[in-house]
Amino acid sequence: LFERLMRNETIDGATLTREDVIKVYRAAQCGFSGNDEALAMQCSLGYFAARSAVEVLKELGILSCRADGNDLQLALNPIEGKMQLENSALYRRINHL
């Protein structure tokens, strides 16, 4: 499902909630480092939601993600003020906004 999303294919029935994104944001606050499955488990999310949330946060400039083999290293970028998730084209596409 995530791979289809990255290829710009239409995804029916998939959603990404604000709460899903917040869980990944909090994992990044703690300096998460691990593979995709570990991120999903730590955040109590499915693979699609966890990886999509990472991509949304990256698109908004909130998150930096470095790949080291199969592991991801998440870090928050300094930003001022609040960012609206609806500013992310990916978030809007997933949620059909």
PDB file of N, CA and C in Angstrom:
ATOM      1  N   LEU A   1       0.824  -1.193   0.000  1.00  0.00           N
ATOM      2  CA  LEU A   1       0.000   0.000   0.000  1.00  0.00           C
ATOM      3  C   LEU A   1       0.869   1.259   0.000  1.00  0.00           C
ATOM      4  N   PHE A   2       1.888   1.274   0.870  1.00  0.00           N
ATOM      5  CA  PHE A   2       2.775   2.435   0.940  1.00  0.00           C
ATOM      6  C   PHE A   2       3.519   2.630  -0.380  1.00  0.00           C
ATOM      7  N   GLU A   3       3.990   1.544  -0.969  1.00  0.00           N
ATOM      8  CA  GLU A   3       4.711   1.642  -2.235  1.00  0.00           C
ATOM      9  C   GLU A   3       3.804   2.196  -3.333  1.00  0.00           C
ATOM     10  N   ARG A   4       2.533   1.793  -3.338  1.00  0.00           N
ATOM     11  CA  ARG A   4       1.574   2.332  -4.315  1.00  0.00           C
ATOM     12  C   ARG A   4       1.392   3.823  -4.107  1.00  0.00           C
ATOM     13  N   LEU A   5       1.343   4.246  -2.867  1.00  0.00           N
ATOM     14  CA  LEU A   5       1.209   5.665  -2.554  1.00  0.00           C
ATOM     15  C   LEU A   5       2.400   6.440  -3.098  1.00  0.00           C
ATOM     16  N   MET A   6       3.595   5.907  -2.926  1.00  0.00           N
ATOM     17  CA  MET A   6       4.805   6.587  -3.384  1.00  0.00           C
ATOM     18  C   MET A   6       4.887   6.635  -4.917  1.00  0.00           C
ATOM     19  N   ARG A   7       4.176   5.734  -5.586  1.00  0.00           N
ATOM     20  CA  ARG A   7       4.129   5.753  -7.047  1.00  0.00           C
ATOM     21  C   ARG A   7       2.980   6.619  -7.561  1.00  0.00           C
ATOM     22  N   ASN A   8       2.335   7.364  -6.656  1.00  0.00           N
ATOM     23  CA  ASN A   8       1.214   8.253  -6.988  1.00  0.00           C
ATOM     24  C   ASN A   8      -0.015   7.515  -7.486  1.00  0.00           C
ATOM     25  N   GLU A   9      -0.171   6.254  -7.114  1.00  0.00           N
ATOM     26  CA  GLU A   9      -1.375   5.517  -7.473  1.00  0.00           C
ATOM     27  C   GLU A   9      -2.496   5.891  -6.503  1.00  0.00           C
ATOM     28  N   THR A  10      -3.713   5.729  -6.938  1.00  0.00           N
ATOM     29  CA  THR A  10      -4.871   6.003  -6.088  1.00  0.00           C
ATOM     30  C   THR A  10      -4.955   4.950  -4.995  1.00  0.00           C
ATOM     31  N   ILE A  11      -5.157   5.406  -3.781  1.00  0.00           N
ATOM     32  CA  ILE A  11      -5.262   4.518  -2.631  1.00  0.00           C
ATOM     33  C   ILE A  11      -6.657   4.688  -2.044  1.00  0.00           C
ATOM     34  N   ASP A  12      -7.461   3.660  -2.143  1.00  0.00           N
ATOM     35  CA  ASP A  12      -8.811   3.702  -1.581  1.00  0.00           C
ATOM     36  C   ASP A  12      -8.817   3.030  -0.217  1.00  0.00           C
ATOM     37  N   GLY A  13      -9.548   3.609   0.708  1.00  0.00           N
ATOM     38  CA  GLY A  13      -9.714   3.011   2.021  1.00  0.00           C
ATOM     39  C   GLY A  13      -8.584   3.298   2.995  1.00  0.00           C
ATOM     40  N   ALA A  14      -7.526   3.945   2.571  1.00  0.00           N
ATOM     41  CA  ALA A  14      -6.409   4.259   3.462  1.00  0.00           C
ATOM     42  C   ALA A  14      -6.643   5.625   4.085  1.00  0.00           C
ATOM     43  N   THR A  15      -6.294   5.760   5.339  1.00  0.00           N
ATOM     44  CA  THR A  15      -6.374   7.052   6.013  1.00  0.00           C
ATOM     45  C   THR A  15      -5.121   7.248   6.851  1.00  0.00           C
ATOM     46  N   LEU A  16      -4.855   8.486   7.152  1.00  0.00           N
ATOM     47  CA  LEU A  16      -3.762   8.849   8.042  1.00  0.00           C
ATOM     48  C   LEU A  16      -4.312   9.930   8.961  1.00  0.00           C
ATOM     49  N   THR A  17      -4.404   9.630  10.233  1.00  0.00           N
ATOM     50  CA  THR A  17      -4.985  10.588  11.165  1.00  0.00           C
ATOM     51  C   THR A  17      -3.919  11.510  11.748  1.00  0.00           C
ATOM     52  N   ARG A  18      -4.390  12.612  12.287  1.00  0.00           N
ATOM     53  CA  ARG A  18      -3.505  13.543  12.994  1.00  0.00           C
ATOM     54  C   ARG A  18      -2.807  12.812  14.141  1.00  0.00           C
ATOM     55  N   GLU A  19      -3.532  11.929  14.822  1.00  0.00           N
ATOM     56  CA  GLU A  19      -2.957  11.174  15.935  1.00  0.00           C
ATOM     57  C   GLU A  19      -1.837  10.248  15.462  1.00  0.00           C
ATOM     58  N   ASP A  20      -1.998   9.654  14.281  1.00  0.00           N
ATOM     59  CA  ASP A  20      -0.935   8.814  13.716  1.00  0.00           C
ATOM     60  C   ASP A  20       0.342   9.632  13.526  1.00  0.00           C
ATOM     61  N   VAL A  21       0.180  10.813  12.974  1.00  0.00           N
ATOM     62  CA  VAL A  21       1.338  11.677  12.699  1.00  0.00           C
ATOM     63  C   VAL A  21       1.981  12.118  14.011  1.00  0.00           C
ATOM     64  N   ILE A  22       1.169  12.424  15.004  1.00  0.00           N
ATOM     65  CA  ILE A  22       1.697  12.839  16.310  1.00  0.00           C
ATOM     66  C   ILE A  22       2.528  11.722  16.933  1.00  0.00           C
ATOM     67  N   LYS A  23       2.087  10.479  16.797  1.00  0.00           N
ATOM     68  CA  LYS A  23       2.851   9.350  17.354  1.00  0.00           C
ATOM     69  C   LYS A  23       4.245   9.266  16.733  1.00  0.00           C
ATOM     70  N   VAL A  24       4.339   9.458  15.431  1.00  0.00           N
ATOM     71  CA  VAL A  24       5.642   9.412  14.766  1.00  0.00           C
ATOM     72  C   VAL A  24       6.476  10.628  15.161  1.00  0.00           C
ATOM     73  N   TYR A  25       5.845  11.777  15.288  1.00  0.00           N
ATOM     74  CA  TYR A  25       6.532  12.993  15.739  1.00  0.00           C
ATOM     75  C   TYR A  25       7.167  12.747  17.114  1.00  0.00           C
ATOM     76  N   ARG A  26       6.409  12.140  18.003  1.00  0.00           N
ATOM     77  CA  ARG A  26       6.923  11.869  19.356  1.00  0.00           C
ATOM     78  C   ARG A  26       8.074  10.864  19.336  1.00  0.00           C
ATOM     79  N   ALA A  27       7.999   9.893  18.438  1.00  0.00           N
ATOM     80  CA  ALA A  27       9.111   8.946  18.302  1.00  0.00           C
ATOM     81  C   ALA A  27      10.362   9.685  17.849  1.00  0.00           C
ATOM     82  N   ALA A  28      10.200  10.644  16.933  1.00  0.00           N
ATOM     83  CA  ALA A  28      11.344  11.444  16.467  1.00  0.00           C
ATOM     84  C   ALA A  28      11.888  12.311  17.592  1.00  0.00           C
ATOM     85  N   GLN A  29      11.012  12.831  18.451  1.00  0.00           N
ATOM     86  CA  GLN A  29      11.455  13.632  19.596  1.00  0.00           C
ATOM     87  C   GLN A  29      12.397  12.828  20.486  1.00  0.00           C
ATOM     88  N   CYS A  30      12.148  11.536  20.547  1.00  0.00           N
ATOM     89  CA  CYS A  30      12.973  10.645  21.382  1.00  0.00           C
ATOM     90  C   CYS A  30      14.185  10.112  20.624  1.00  0.00           C
ATOM     91  N   GLY A  31      14.397  10.600  19.387  1.00  0.00           N
ATOM     92  CA  GLY A  31      15.556  10.174  18.608  1.00  0.00           C
ATOM     93  C   GLY A  31      15.442   8.764  18.077  1.00  0.00           C
ATOM     94  N   PHE A  32      14.270   8.388  17.588  1.00  0.00           N
ATOM     95  CA  PHE A  32      14.060   7.027  17.101  1.00  0.00           C
ATOM     96  C   PHE A  32      15.122   6.617  16.089  1.00  0.00           C
ATOM     97  N   SER A  33      15.598   5.393  16.254  1.00  0.00           N
ATOM     98  CA  SER A  33      16.499   4.762  15.303  1.00  0.00           C
ATOM     99  C   SER A  33      16.126   3.288  15.260  1.00  0.00           C
ATOM    100  N   GLY A  34      15.794   2.805  14.077  1.00  0.00           N
ATOM    101  CA  GLY A  34      15.422   1.404  13.925  1.00  0.00           C
ATOM    102  C   GLY A  34      14.774   1.201  12.575  1.00  0.00           C
ATOM    103  N   ASN A  35      14.309  -0.006  12.322  1.00  0.00           N
ATOM    104  CA  ASN A  35      13.709  -0.282  11.020  1.00  0.00           C
ATOM    105  C   ASN A  35      12.239   0.132  11.006  1.00  0.00           C
ATOM    106  N   ASP A  36      11.638   0.039   9.823  1.00  0.00           N
ATOM    107  CA  ASP A  36      10.246   0.451   9.641  1.00  0.00           C
ATOM    108  C   ASP A  36       9.301  -0.279  10.587  1.00  0.00           C
ATOM    109  N   GLU A  37       9.513  -1.573  10.734  1.00  0.00           N
ATOM    110  CA  GLU A  37       8.636  -2.371  11.581  1.00  0.00           C
ATOM    111  C   GLU A  37       8.753  -1.951  13.044  1.00  0.00           C
ATOM    112  N   ALA A  38       9.971  -1.631  13.487  1.00  0.00           N
ATOM    113  CA  ALA A  38      10.166  -1.173  14.867  1.00  0.00           C
ATOM    114  C   ALA A  38       9.467   0.166  15.099  1.00  0.00           C
ATOM    115  N   LEU A  39       9.517   1.039  14.106  1.00  0.00           N
ATOM    116  CA  LEU A  39       8.822   2.324  14.220  1.00  0.00           C
ATOM    117  C   LEU A  39       7.326   2.090  14.343  1.00  0.00           C
ATOM    118  N   ALA A  40       6.785   1.241  13.486  1.00  0.00           N
ATOM    119  CA  ALA A  40       5.353   0.946  13.525  1.00  0.00           C
ATOM    120  C   ALA A  40       4.960   0.360  14.886  1.00  0.00           C
ATOM    121  N   MET A  41       5.771  -0.551  15.398  1.00  0.00           N
ATOM    122  CA  MET A  41       5.470  -1.164  16.697  1.00  0.00           C
ATOM    123  C   MET A  41       5.546  -0.142  17.817  1.00  0.00           C
ATOM    124  N   GLN A  42       6.595   0.672  17.825  1.00  0.00           N
ATOM    125  CA  GLN A  42       6.769   1.664  18.887  1.00  0.00           C
ATOM    126  C   GLN A  42       5.606   2.654  18.904  1.00  0.00           C
ATOM    127  N   CYS A  43       5.097   2.970  17.730  1.00  0.00           N
ATOM    128  CA  CYS A  43       4.014   3.944  17.616  1.00  0.00           C
ATOM    129  C   CYS A  43       2.632   3.304  17.662  1.00  0.00           C
ATOM    130  N   SER A  44       2.574   1.984  17.772  1.00  0.00           N
ATOM    131  CA  SER A  44       1.302   1.245  17.741  1.00  0.00           C
ATOM    132  C   SER A  44       0.502   1.571  16.483  1.00  0.00           C
ATOM    133  N   LEU A  45       1.205   1.552  15.350  1.00  0.00           N
ATOM    134  CA  LEU A  45       0.608   1.839  14.055  1.00  0.00           C
ATOM    135  C   LEU A  45       0.909   0.702  13.094  1.00  0.00           C
ATOM    136  N   GLY A  46       0.158   0.650  12.024  1.00  0.00           N
ATOM    137  CA  GLY A  46       0.490  -0.253  10.943  1.00  0.00           C
ATOM    138  C   GLY A  46       1.630   0.340  10.127  1.00  0.00           C
ATOM    139  N   TYR A  47       2.222  -0.483   9.285  1.00  0.00           N
ATOM    140  CA  TYR A  47       3.344  -0.047   8.449  1.00  0.00           C
ATOM    141  C   TYR A  47       2.959   1.153   7.592  1.00  0.00           C
ATOM    142  N   PHE A  48       1.803   1.090   6.935  1.00  0.00           N
ATOM    143  CA  PHE A  48       1.375   2.173   6.048  1.00  0.00           C
ATOM    144  C   PHE A  48       1.294   3.505   6.796  1.00  0.00           C
ATOM    145  N   ALA A  49       0.635   3.512   7.946  1.00  0.00           N
ATOM    146  CA  ALA A  49       0.466   4.751   8.700  1.00  0.00           C
ATOM    147  C   ALA A  49       1.809   5.295   9.186  1.00  0.00           C
ATOM    148  N   ALA A  50       2.664   4.417   9.691  1.00  0.00           N
ATOM    149  CA  ALA A  50       3.961   4.871  10.205  1.00  0.00           C
ATOM    150  C   ALA A  50       4.820   5.482   9.102  1.00  0.00           C
ATOM    151  N   ARG A  51       4.953   4.777   7.981  1.00  0.00           N
ATOM    152  CA  ARG A  51       5.794   5.288   6.887  1.00  0.00           C
ATOM    153  C   ARG A  51       5.180   6.523   6.232  1.00  0.00           C
ATOM    154  N   SER A  52       3.856   6.547   6.118  1.00  0.00           N
ATOM    155  CA  SER A  52       3.201   7.713   5.530  1.00  0.00           C
ATOM    156  C   SER A  52       3.381   8.932   6.417  1.00  0.00           C
ATOM    157  N   ALA A  53       3.281   8.739   7.728  1.00  0.00           N
ATOM    158  CA  ALA A  53       3.480   9.855   8.652  1.00  0.00           C
ATOM    159  C   ALA A  53       4.905  10.406   8.540  1.00  0.00           C
ATOM    160  N   VAL A  54       5.883   9.530   8.401  1.00  0.00           N
ATOM    161  CA  VAL A  54       7.275   9.984   8.205  1.00  0.00           C
ATOM    162  C   VAL A  54       7.359  10.848   6.950  1.00  0.00           C
ATOM    163  N   GLU A  55       6.762  10.389   5.867  1.00  0.00           N
ATOM    164  CA  GLU A  55       6.833  11.136   4.603  1.00  0.00           C
ATOM    165  C   GLU A  55       6.110  12.469   4.685  1.00  0.00           C
ATOM    166  N   VAL A  56       4.985  12.521   5.380  1.00  0.00           N
ATOM    167  CA  VAL A  56       4.258  13.783   5.561  1.00  0.00           C
ATOM    168  C   VAL A  56       5.107  14.763   6.358  1.00  0.00           C
ATOM    169  N   LEU A  57       5.691  14.301   7.456  1.00  0.00           N
ATOM    170  CA  LEU A  57       6.525  15.177   8.277  1.00  0.00           C
ATOM    171  C   LEU A  57       7.768  15.648   7.523  1.00  0.00           C
ATOM    172  N   LYS A  58       8.330  14.782   6.689  1.00  0.00           N
ATOM    173  CA  LYS A  58       9.465  15.190   5.853  1.00  0.00           C
ATOM    174  C   LYS A  58       9.032  16.249   4.844  1.00  0.00           C
ATOM    175  N   GLU A  59       7.886  16.023   4.204  1.00  0.00           N
ATOM    176  CA  GLU A  59       7.389  16.967   3.205  1.00  0.00           C
ATOM    177  C   GLU A  59       7.173  18.352   3.809  1.00  0.00           C
ATOM    178  N   LEU A  60       6.719  18.408   5.057  1.00  0.00           N
ATOM    179  CA  LEU A  60       6.469  19.680   5.725  1.00  0.00           C
ATOM    180  C   LEU A  60       7.737  20.310   6.288  1.00  0.00           C
ATOM    181  N   GLY A  61       8.855  19.594   6.205  1.00  0.00           N
ATOM    182  CA  GLY A  61      10.127  20.118   6.708  1.00  0.00           C
ATOM    183  C   GLY A  61      10.296  19.978   8.206  1.00  0.00           C
ATOM    184  N   ILE A  62       9.419  19.220   8.839  1.00  0.00           N
ATOM    185  CA  ILE A  62       9.449  19.052  10.289  1.00  0.00           C
ATOM    186  C   ILE A  62      10.460  17.989  10.699  1.00  0.00           C
ATOM    187  N   LEU A  63      10.673  17.029   9.837  1.00  0.00           N
ATOM    188  CA  LEU A  63      11.442  15.838  10.177  1.00  0.00           C
ATOM    189  C   LEU A  63      12.538  15.596   9.159  1.00  0.00           C
ATOM    190  N   SER A  64      13.679  15.171   9.658  1.00  0.00           N
ATOM    191  CA  SER A  64      14.753  14.664   8.808  1.00  0.00           C
ATOM    192  C   SER A  64      14.845  13.169   9.058  1.00  0.00           C
ATOM    193  N   CYS A  65      15.071  12.441   7.997  1.00  0.00           N
ATOM    194  CA  CYS A  65      15.140  10.988   8.096  1.00  0.00           C
ATOM    195  C   CYS A  65      16.378  10.526   7.354  1.00  0.00           C
ATOM    196  N   ARG A  66      17.243   9.856   8.061  1.00  0.00           N
ATOM    197  CA  ARG A  66      18.447   9.321   7.438  1.00  0.00           C
ATOM    198  C   ARG A  66      18.372   7.809   7.459  1.00  0.00           C
ATOM    199  N   ALA A  67      18.603   7.216   6.316  1.00  0.00           N
ATOM    200  CA  ALA A  67      18.591   5.754   6.216  1.00  0.00           C
ATOM    201  C   ALA A  67      20.012   5.233   6.402  1.00  0.00           C
ATOM    202  N   ASP A  68      20.133   4.228   7.238  1.00  0.00           N
ATOM    203  CA  ASP A  68      21.415   3.570   7.477  1.00  0.00           C
ATOM    204  C   ASP A  68      21.164   2.079   7.328  1.00  0.00           C
ATOM    205  N   GLY A  69      21.350   1.590   6.104  1.00  0.00           N
ATOM    206  CA  GLY A  69      20.978   0.204   5.828  1.00  0.00           C
ATOM    207  C   GLY A  69      19.464   0.086   5.871  1.00  0.00           C
ATOM    208  N   ASN A  70      18.955  -0.807   6.701  1.00  0.00           N
ATOM    209  CA  ASN A  70      17.509  -0.960   6.866  1.00  0.00           C
ATOM    210  C   ASN A  70      16.944  -0.077   7.973  1.00  0.00           C
ATOM    211  N   ASP A  71      17.819   0.629   8.672  1.00  0.00           N
ATOM    212  CA  ASP A  71      17.378   1.448   9.793  1.00  0.00           C
ATOM    213  C   ASP A  71      17.132   2.887   9.383  1.00  0.00           C
ATOM    214  N   LEU A  72      16.161   3.498  10.055  1.00  0.00           N
ATOM    215  CA  LEU A  72      15.867   4.914   9.897  1.00  0.00           C
ATOM    216  C   LEU A  72      16.337   5.636  11.144  1.00  0.00           C
ATOM    217  N   GLN A  73      16.885   6.810  10.958  1.00  0.00           N
ATOM    218  CA  GLN A  73      17.219   7.675  12.088  1.00  0.00           C
ATOM    219  C   GLN A  73      16.402   8.945  11.908  1.00  0.00           C
ATOM    220  N   LEU A  74      15.490   9.168  12.838  1.00  0.00           N
ATOM    221  CA  LEU A  74      14.594  10.315  12.750  1.00  0.00           C
ATOM    222  C   LEU A  74      15.087  11.440  13.640  1.00  0.00           C
ATOM    223  N   ALA A  75      14.988  12.653  13.132  1.00  0.00           N
ATOM    224  CA  ALA A  75      15.356  13.842  13.907  1.00  0.00           C
ATOM    225  C   ALA A  75      14.418  14.973  13.522  1.00  0.00           C
ATOM    226  N   LEU A  76      14.054  15.776  14.509  1.00  0.00           N
ATOM    227  CA  LEU A  76      13.194  16.920  14.244  1.00  0.00           C
ATOM    228  C   LEU A  76      14.029  18.104  13.790  1.00  0.00           C
ATOM    229  N   ASN A  77      13.524  18.819  12.823  1.00  0.00           N
ATOM    230  CA  ASN A  77      14.160  20.049  12.350  1.00  0.00           C
ATOM    231  C   ASN A  77      13.610  21.213  13.160  1.00  0.00           C
ATOM    232  N   PRO A  78      14.432  22.228  13.389  1.00  0.00           N
ATOM    233  CA  PRO A  78      13.904  23.406  14.100  1.00  0.00           C
ATOM    234  C   PRO A  78      12.903  24.148  13.206  1.00  0.00           C
ATOM    235  N   ILE A  79      11.730  24.390  13.742  1.00  0.00           N
ATOM    236  CA  ILE A  79      10.708  25.141  13.027  1.00  0.00           C
ATOM    237  C   ILE A  79      10.088  26.147  13.987  1.00  0.00           C
ATOM    238  N   GLU A  80       9.518  27.180  13.426  1.00  0.00           N
ATOM    239  CA  GLU A  80       8.831  28.166  14.252  1.00  0.00           C
ATOM    240  C   GLU A  80       7.336  28.030  14.044  1.00  0.00           C
ATOM    241  N   GLY A  81       6.605  28.044  15.129  1.00  0.00           N
ATOM    242  CA  GLY A  81       5.157  27.974  15.038  1.00  0.00           C
ATOM    243  C   GLY A  81       4.664  26.571  14.744  1.00  0.00           C
ATOM    244  N   LYS A  82       3.370  26.503  14.500  1.00  0.00           N
ATOM    245  CA  LYS A  82       2.738  25.217  14.208  1.00  0.00           C
ATOM    246  C   LYS A  82       2.610  25.042  12.707  1.00  0.00           C
ATOM    247  N   MET A  83       2.692  23.803  12.288  1.00  0.00           N
ATOM    248  CA  MET A  83       2.491  23.462  10.883  1.00  0.00           C
ATOM    249  C   MET A  83       1.144  22.771  10.758  1.00  0.00           C
ATOM    250  N   GLN A  84       0.451  23.061   9.696  1.00  0.00           N
ATOM    251  CA  GLN A  84      -0.832  22.426   9.425  1.00  0.00           C
ATOM    252  C   GLN A  84      -0.601  21.200   8.547  1.00  0.00           C
ATOM    253  N   LEU A  85      -1.100  20.052   8.979  1.00  0.00           N
ATOM    254  CA  LEU A  85      -0.940  18.830   8.191  1.00  0.00           C
ATOM    255  C   LEU A  85      -1.583  18.967   6.819  1.00  0.00           C
ATOM    256  N   GLU A  86      -2.619  19.766   6.733  1.00  0.00           N
ATOM    257  CA  GLU A  86      -3.309  19.959   5.464  1.00  0.00           C
ATOM    258  C   GLU A  86      -2.432  20.669   4.427  1.00  0.00           C
ATOM    259  N   ASN A  87      -1.306  21.236   4.864  1.00  0.00           N
ATOM    260  CA  ASN A  87      -0.355  21.842   3.921  1.00  0.00           C
ATOM    261  C   ASN A  87       0.445  20.781   3.170  1.00  0.00           C
ATOM    262  N   SER A  88       0.365  19.552   3.608  1.00  0.00           N
ATOM    263  CA  SER A  88       1.071  18.454   2.951  1.00  0.00           C
ATOM    264  C   SER A  88       0.198  17.881   1.838  1.00  0.00           C
ATOM    265  N   ALA A  89       0.710  17.888   0.628  1.00  0.00           N
ATOM    266  CA  ALA A  89      -0.014  17.306  -0.507  1.00  0.00           C
ATOM    267  C   ALA A  89      -0.240  15.814  -0.274  1.00  0.00           C
ATOM    268  N   LEU A  90       0.731  15.139   0.308  1.00  0.00           N
ATOM    269  CA  LEU A  90       0.603  13.706   0.573  1.00  0.00           C
ATOM    270  C   LEU A  90      -0.512  13.439   1.583  1.00  0.00           C
ATOM    271  N   TYR A  91      -0.548  14.208   2.661  1.00  0.00           N
ATOM    272  CA  TYR A  91      -1.600  14.056   3.674  1.00  0.00           C
ATOM    273  C   TYR A  91      -2.976  14.268   3.046  1.00  0.00           C
ATOM    274  N   ARG A  92      -3.097  15.305   2.226  1.00  0.00           N
ATOM    275  CA  ARG A  92      -4.375  15.578   1.558  1.00  0.00           C
ATOM    276  C   ARG A  92      -4.756  14.441   0.613  1.00  0.00           C
ATOM    277  N   ARG A  93      -3.773  13.907  -0.103  1.00  0.00           N
ATOM    278  CA  ARG A  93      -4.055  12.826  -1.055  1.00  0.00           C
ATOM    279  C   ARG A  93      -4.497  11.563  -0.333  1.00  0.00           C
ATOM    280  N   ILE A  94      -3.830  11.213   0.763  1.00  0.00           N
ATOM    281  CA  ILE A  94      -4.197  10.017   1.517  1.00  0.00           C
ATOM    282  C   ILE A  94      -5.622  10.142   2.033  1.00  0.00           C
ATOM    283  N   ASN A  95      -5.942  11.311   2.540  1.00  0.00           N
ATOM    284  CA  ASN A  95      -7.254  11.518   3.169  1.00  0.00           C
ATOM    285  C   ASN A  95      -8.295  12.095   2.227  1.00  0.00           C
ATOM    286  N   HIS A  96      -7.969  12.190   0.963  1.00  0.00           N
ATOM    287  CA  HIS A  96      -8.901  12.665  -0.065  1.00  0.00           C
ATOM    288  C   HIS A  96      -9.466  14.039   0.292  1.00  0.00           C
ATOM    289  N   LEU A  97      -8.599  14.944   0.739  1.00  0.00           N
ATOM    290  CA  LEU A  97      -9.029  16.300   1.094  1.00  0.00           C
ATOM    291  C   LEU A  97      -8.915  17.225  -0.090  1.00  0.00           C
TER     292      LEU A  97
END
